[in-house]
Amino acid sequence: MMKERSDRFRYKVSGNSTIEYDGEVIFPINGVLARTLKKDDEVKVVLFNYARNVK
């Protein structure tokens, strides 16, 4: 059974503090986009899908 909600974290940024997001997100990229993305910006997404050997 899947969890109803994924855990959220506040990811710390080392280096470029202008992209640090004060909220909690599931994935670090969401924090970067929340801080830098503007209305009508185009976003290209690359989805990496990999298979794991499950026995």
PDB file of N, CA and C in Angstrom:
ATOM      1  N   MET A   1       0.841  -1.175   0.000  1.00  0.00           N
ATOM      2  CA  MET A   1       0.000   0.000   0.000  1.00  0.00           C
ATOM      3  C   MET A   1       0.896   1.251   0.000  1.00  0.00           C
ATOM      4  N   MET A   2       0.545   2.225  -0.814  1.00  0.00           N
ATOM      5  CA  MET A   2       1.333   3.452  -0.903  1.00  0.00           C
ATOM      6  C   MET A   2       0.953   4.409   0.223  1.00  0.00           C
ATOM      7  N   LYS A   3       1.927   5.198   0.628  1.00  0.00           N
ATOM      8  CA  LYS A   3       1.651   6.231   1.616  1.00  0.00           C
ATOM      9  C   LYS A   3       0.753   7.287   0.987  1.00  0.00           C
ATOM     10  N   GLU A   4      -0.146   7.851   1.789  1.00  0.00           N
ATOM     11  CA  GLU A   4      -1.026   8.893   1.278  1.00  0.00           C
ATOM     12  C   GLU A   4      -0.267  10.174   0.986  1.00  0.00           C
ATOM     13  N   ARG A   5       0.764  10.446   1.761  1.00  0.00           N
ATOM     14  CA  ARG A   5       1.505  11.684   1.598  1.00  0.00           C
ATOM     15  C   ARG A   5       2.995  11.408   1.745  1.00  0.00           C
ATOM     16  N   SER A   6       3.777  11.945   0.850  1.00  0.00           N
ATOM     17  CA  SER A   6       5.226  11.799   0.952  1.00  0.00           C
ATOM     18  C   SER A   6       5.767  12.787   1.979  1.00  0.00           C
ATOM     19  N   ASP A   7       6.863  12.420   2.585  1.00  0.00           N
ATOM     20  CA  ASP A   7       7.493  13.312   3.557  1.00  0.00           C
ATOM     21  C   ASP A   7       8.068  14.529   2.855  1.00  0.00           C
ATOM     22  N   ARG A   8       7.962  15.667   3.497  1.00  0.00           N
ATOM     23  CA  ARG A   8       8.479  16.919   2.946  1.00  0.00           C
ATOM     24  C   ARG A   8       9.651  17.381   3.806  1.00  0.00           C
ATOM     25  N   PHE A   9      10.594  18.064   3.164  1.00  0.00           N
ATOM     26  CA  PHE A   9      11.792  18.523   3.848  1.00  0.00           C
ATOM     27  C   PHE A   9      12.090  19.965   3.469  1.00  0.00           C
ATOM     28  N   ARG A  10      12.851  20.619   4.309  1.00  0.00           N
ATOM     29  CA  ARG A  10      13.394  21.921   3.958  1.00  0.00           C
ATOM     30  C   ARG A  10      14.856  21.685   3.627  1.00  0.00           C
ATOM     31  N   TYR A  11      15.173  21.785   2.350  1.00  0.00           N
ATOM     32  CA  TYR A  11      16.521  21.508   1.888  1.00  0.00           C
ATOM     33  C   TYR A  11      17.396  22.738   2.060  1.00  0.00           C
ATOM     34  N   LYS A  12      18.543  22.553   2.675  1.00  0.00           N
ATOM     35  CA  LYS A  12      19.523  23.620   2.836  1.00  0.00           C
ATOM     36  C   LYS A  12      20.317  23.771   1.550  1.00  0.00           C
ATOM     37  N   VAL A  13      20.713  24.988   1.271  1.00  0.00           N
ATOM     38  CA  VAL A  13      21.512  25.274   0.083  1.00  0.00           C
ATOM     39  C   VAL A  13      22.887  25.726   0.523  1.00  0.00           C
ATOM     40  N   SER A  14      23.906  25.141  -0.082  1.00  0.00           N
ATOM     41  CA  SER A  14      25.258  25.627   0.183  1.00  0.00           C
ATOM     42  C   SER A  14      25.771  26.250  -1.107  1.00  0.00           C
ATOM     43  N   GLY A  15      26.184  27.476  -1.030  1.00  0.00           N
ATOM     44  CA  GLY A  15      26.674  28.155  -2.235  1.00  0.00           C
ATOM     45  C   GLY A  15      25.715  29.244  -2.669  1.00  0.00           C
ATOM     46  N   ASN A  16      24.824  28.935  -3.584  1.00  0.00           N
ATOM     47  CA  ASN A  16      23.927  29.922  -4.171  1.00  0.00           C
ATOM     48  C   ASN A  16      22.681  30.087  -3.296  1.00  0.00           C
ATOM     49  N   SER A  17      22.747  30.977  -2.331  1.00  0.00           N
ATOM     50  CA  SER A  17      21.633  31.140  -1.398  1.00  0.00           C
ATOM     51  C   SER A  17      20.437  31.850  -2.022  1.00  0.00           C
ATOM     52  N   THR A  18      20.576  32.388  -3.222  1.00  0.00           N
ATOM     53  CA  THR A  18      19.433  33.057  -3.861  1.00  0.00           C
ATOM     54  C   THR A  18      18.366  32.070  -4.299  1.00  0.00           C
ATOM     55  N   ILE A  19      18.686  30.782  -4.353  1.00  0.00           N
ATOM     56  CA  ILE A  19      17.694  29.781  -4.741  1.00  0.00           C
ATOM     57  C   ILE A  19      17.117  29.039  -3.539  1.00  0.00           C
ATOM     58  N   GLU A  20      17.566  29.388  -2.322  1.00  0.00           N
ATOM     59  CA  GLU A  20      17.070  28.683  -1.149  1.00  0.00           C
ATOM     60  C   GLU A  20      15.604  29.033  -0.906  1.00  0.00           C
ATOM     61  N   TYR A  21      14.790  28.020  -0.669  1.00  0.00           N
ATOM     62  CA  TYR A  21      13.357  28.166  -0.472  1.00  0.00           C
ATOM     63  C   TYR A  21      13.034  27.895   0.989  1.00  0.00           C
ATOM     64  N   ASP A  22      12.246  28.750   1.600  1.00  0.00           N
ATOM     65  CA  ASP A  22      11.950  28.625   3.028  1.00  0.00           C
ATOM     66  C   ASP A  22      10.918  27.550   3.351  1.00  0.00           C
ATOM     67  N   GLY A  23      10.160  27.110   2.362  1.00  0.00           N
ATOM     68  CA  GLY A  23       9.128  26.107   2.601  1.00  0.00           C
ATOM     69  C   GLY A  23       9.669  24.692   2.565  1.00  0.00           C
ATOM     70  N   GLU A  24       8.770  23.739   2.740  1.00  0.00           N
ATOM     71  CA  GLU A  24       9.133  22.326   2.673  1.00  0.00           C
ATOM     72  C   GLU A  24       8.635  21.745   1.362  1.00  0.00           C
ATOM     73  N   VAL A  25       9.467  20.942   0.727  1.00  0.00           N
ATOM     74  CA  VAL A  25       9.131  20.315  -0.546  1.00  0.00           C
ATOM     75  C   VAL A  25       9.536  18.850  -0.516  1.00  0.00           C
ATOM     76  N   ILE A  26       9.002  18.091  -1.455  1.00  0.00           N
ATOM     77  CA  ILE A  26       9.349  16.674  -1.548  1.00  0.00           C
ATOM     78  C   ILE A  26      10.680  16.501  -2.282  1.00  0.00           C
ATOM     79  N   PHE A  27      10.860  17.243  -3.373  1.00  0.00           N
ATOM     80  CA  PHE A  27      12.080  17.136  -4.170  1.00  0.00           C
ATOM     81  C   PHE A  27      12.814  18.474  -4.174  1.00  0.00           C
ATOM     82  N   PRO A  28      14.135  18.480  -4.104  1.00  0.00           N
ATOM     83  CA  PRO A  28      14.894  19.734  -4.077  1.00  0.00           C
ATOM     84  C   PRO A  28      14.598  20.653  -5.259  1.00  0.00           C
ATOM     85  N   ILE A  29      14.371  20.106  -6.440  1.00  0.00           N
ATOM     86  CA  ILE A  29      14.119  20.941  -7.618  1.00  0.00           C
ATOM     87  C   ILE A  29      12.861  21.782  -7.429  1.00  0.00           C
ATOM     88  N   ASN A  30      11.887  21.291  -6.674  1.00  0.00           N
ATOM     89  CA  ASN A  30      10.671  22.064  -6.428  1.00  0.00           C
ATOM     90  C   ASN A  30      10.974  23.347  -5.668  1.00  0.00           C
ATOM     91  N   GLY A  31      11.922  23.293  -4.746  1.00  0.00           N
ATOM     92  CA  GLY A  31      12.320  24.482  -4.012  1.00  0.00           C
ATOM     93  C   GLY A  31      12.983  25.504  -4.918  1.00  0.00           C
ATOM     94  N   VAL A  32      13.823  25.038  -5.817  1.00  0.00           N
ATOM     95  CA  VAL A  32      14.492  25.938  -6.767  1.00  0.00           C
ATOM     96  C   VAL A  32      13.460  26.591  -7.676  1.00  0.00           C
ATOM     97  N   LEU A  33      12.549  25.800  -8.211  1.00  0.00           N
ATOM     98  CA  LEU A  33      11.537  26.344  -9.115  1.00  0.00           C
ATOM     99  C   LEU A  33      10.587  27.287  -8.385  1.00  0.00           C
ATOM    100  N   ALA A  34      10.245  26.984  -7.148  1.00  0.00           N
ATOM    101  CA  ALA A  34       9.325  27.841  -6.399  1.00  0.00           C
ATOM    102  C   ALA A  34       9.915  29.227  -6.206  1.00  0.00           C
ATOM    103  N   ARG A  35      11.209  29.308  -6.101  1.00  0.00           N
ATOM    104  CA  ARG A  35      11.869  30.592  -5.846  1.00  0.00           C
ATOM    105  C   ARG A  35      12.179  31.348  -7.137  1.00  0.00           C
ATOM    106  N   THR A  36      12.411  30.645  -8.223  1.00  0.00           N
ATOM    107  CA  THR A  36      12.908  31.299  -9.437  1.00  0.00           C
ATOM    108  C   THR A  36      11.913  31.341 -10.588  1.00  0.00           C
ATOM    109  N   LEU A  37      10.916  30.473 -10.596  1.00  0.00           N
ATOM    110  CA  LEU A  37       9.985  30.388 -11.714  1.00  0.00           C
ATOM    111  C   LEU A  37       9.012  31.561 -11.698  1.00  0.00           C
ATOM    112  N   LYS A  38       8.828  32.161 -12.830  1.00  0.00           N
ATOM    113  CA  LYS A  38       7.899  33.288 -12.976  1.00  0.00           C
ATOM    114  C   LYS A  38       6.724  32.849 -13.855  1.00  0.00           C
ATOM    115  N   LYS A  39       5.627  33.568 -13.773  1.00  0.00           N
ATOM    116  CA  LYS A  39       4.455  33.260 -14.576  1.00  0.00           C
ATOM    117  C   LYS A  39       4.831  33.295 -16.057  1.00  0.00           C
ATOM    118  N   ASP A  40       4.342  32.329 -16.814  1.00  0.00           N
ATOM    119  CA  ASP A  40       4.568  32.178 -18.254  1.00  0.00           C
ATOM    120  C   ASP A  40       5.987  31.748 -18.618  1.00  0.00           C
ATOM    121  N   ASP A  41       6.834  31.384 -17.653  1.00  0.00           N
ATOM    122  CA  ASP A  41       8.148  30.824 -17.972  1.00  0.00           C
ATOM    123  C   ASP A  41       7.963  29.446 -18.593  1.00  0.00           C
ATOM    124  N   GLU A  42       8.808  29.126 -19.542  1.00  0.00           N
ATOM    125  CA  GLU A  42       8.790  27.779 -20.129  1.00  0.00           C
ATOM    126  C   GLU A  42       9.719  26.886 -19.324  1.00  0.00           C
ATOM    127  N   VAL A  43       9.258  25.684 -19.069  1.00  0.00           N
ATOM    128  CA  VAL A  43      10.049  24.724 -18.301  1.00  0.00           C
ATOM    129  C   VAL A  43      10.174  23.452 -19.110  1.00  0.00           C
ATOM    130  N   LYS A  44      11.396  22.988 -19.281  1.00  0.00           N
ATOM    131  CA  LYS A  44      11.632  21.699 -19.933  1.00  0.00           C
ATOM    132  C   LYS A  44      11.950  20.698 -18.829  1.00  0.00           C
ATOM    133  N   VAL A  45      11.303  19.559 -18.907  1.00  0.00           N
ATOM    134  CA  VAL A  45      11.463  18.533 -17.881  1.00  0.00           C
ATOM    135  C   VAL A  45      12.043  17.280 -18.514  1.00  0.00           C
ATOM    136  N   VAL A  46      13.018  16.716 -17.850  1.00  0.00           N
ATOM    137  CA  VAL A  46      13.594  15.450 -18.282  1.00  0.00           C
ATOM    138  C   VAL A  46      13.271  14.431 -17.203  1.00  0.00           C
ATOM    139  N   LEU A  47      12.584  13.383 -17.587  1.00  0.00           N
ATOM    140  CA  LEU A  47      12.206  12.334 -16.653  1.00  0.00           C
ATOM    141  C   LEU A  47      13.143  11.147 -16.846  1.00  0.00           C
ATOM    142  N   PHE A  48      13.850  10.827 -15.794  1.00  0.00           N
ATOM    143  CA  PHE A  48      14.722   9.659 -15.829  1.00  0.00           C
ATOM    144  C   PHE A  48      13.971   8.509 -15.197  1.00  0.00           C
ATOM    145  N   ASN A  49      13.839   7.432 -15.935  1.00  0.00           N
ATOM    146  CA  ASN A  49      13.161   6.259 -15.432  1.00  0.00           C
ATOM    147  C   ASN A  49      14.166   5.111 -15.445  1.00  0.00           C
ATOM    148  N   TYR A  50      14.345   4.492 -14.340  1.00  0.00           N
ATOM    149  CA  TYR A  50      15.279   3.377 -14.295  1.00  0.00           C
ATOM    150  C   TYR A  50      14.618   2.190 -13.618  1.00  0.00           C
ATOM    151  N   ALA A  51      15.021   1.030 -14.049  1.00  0.00           N
ATOM    152  CA  ALA A  51      14.452  -0.199 -13.485  1.00  0.00           C
ATOM    153  C   ALA A  51      15.413  -0.755 -12.455  1.00  0.00           C
ATOM    154  N   ARG A  52      14.863  -1.287 -11.393  1.00  0.00           N
ATOM    155  CA  ARG A  52      15.660  -1.936 -10.378  1.00  0.00           C
ATOM    156  C   ARG A  52      15.417  -3.431 -10.472  1.00  0.00           C
ATOM    157  N   ASN A  53      16.453  -4.164 -10.233  1.00  0.00           N
ATOM    158  CA  ASN A  53      16.295  -5.628 -10.203  1.00  0.00           C
ATOM    159  C   ASN A  53      15.673  -6.012  -8.871  1.00  0.00           C
ATOM    160  N   VAL A  54      14.462  -6.492  -8.923  1.00  0.00           N
ATOM    161  CA  VAL A  54      13.757  -6.899  -7.728  1.00  0.00           C
ATOM    162  C   VAL A  54      13.562  -8.401  -7.784  1.00  0.00           C
ATOM    163  N   LYS A  55      13.980  -9.063  -6.751  1.00  0.00           N
ATOM    164  CA  LYS A  55      13.837 -10.524  -6.722  1.00  0.00           C
ATOM    165  C   LYS A  55      12.935 -10.935  -5.606  1.00  0.00           C
TER     166      LYS A  55
END
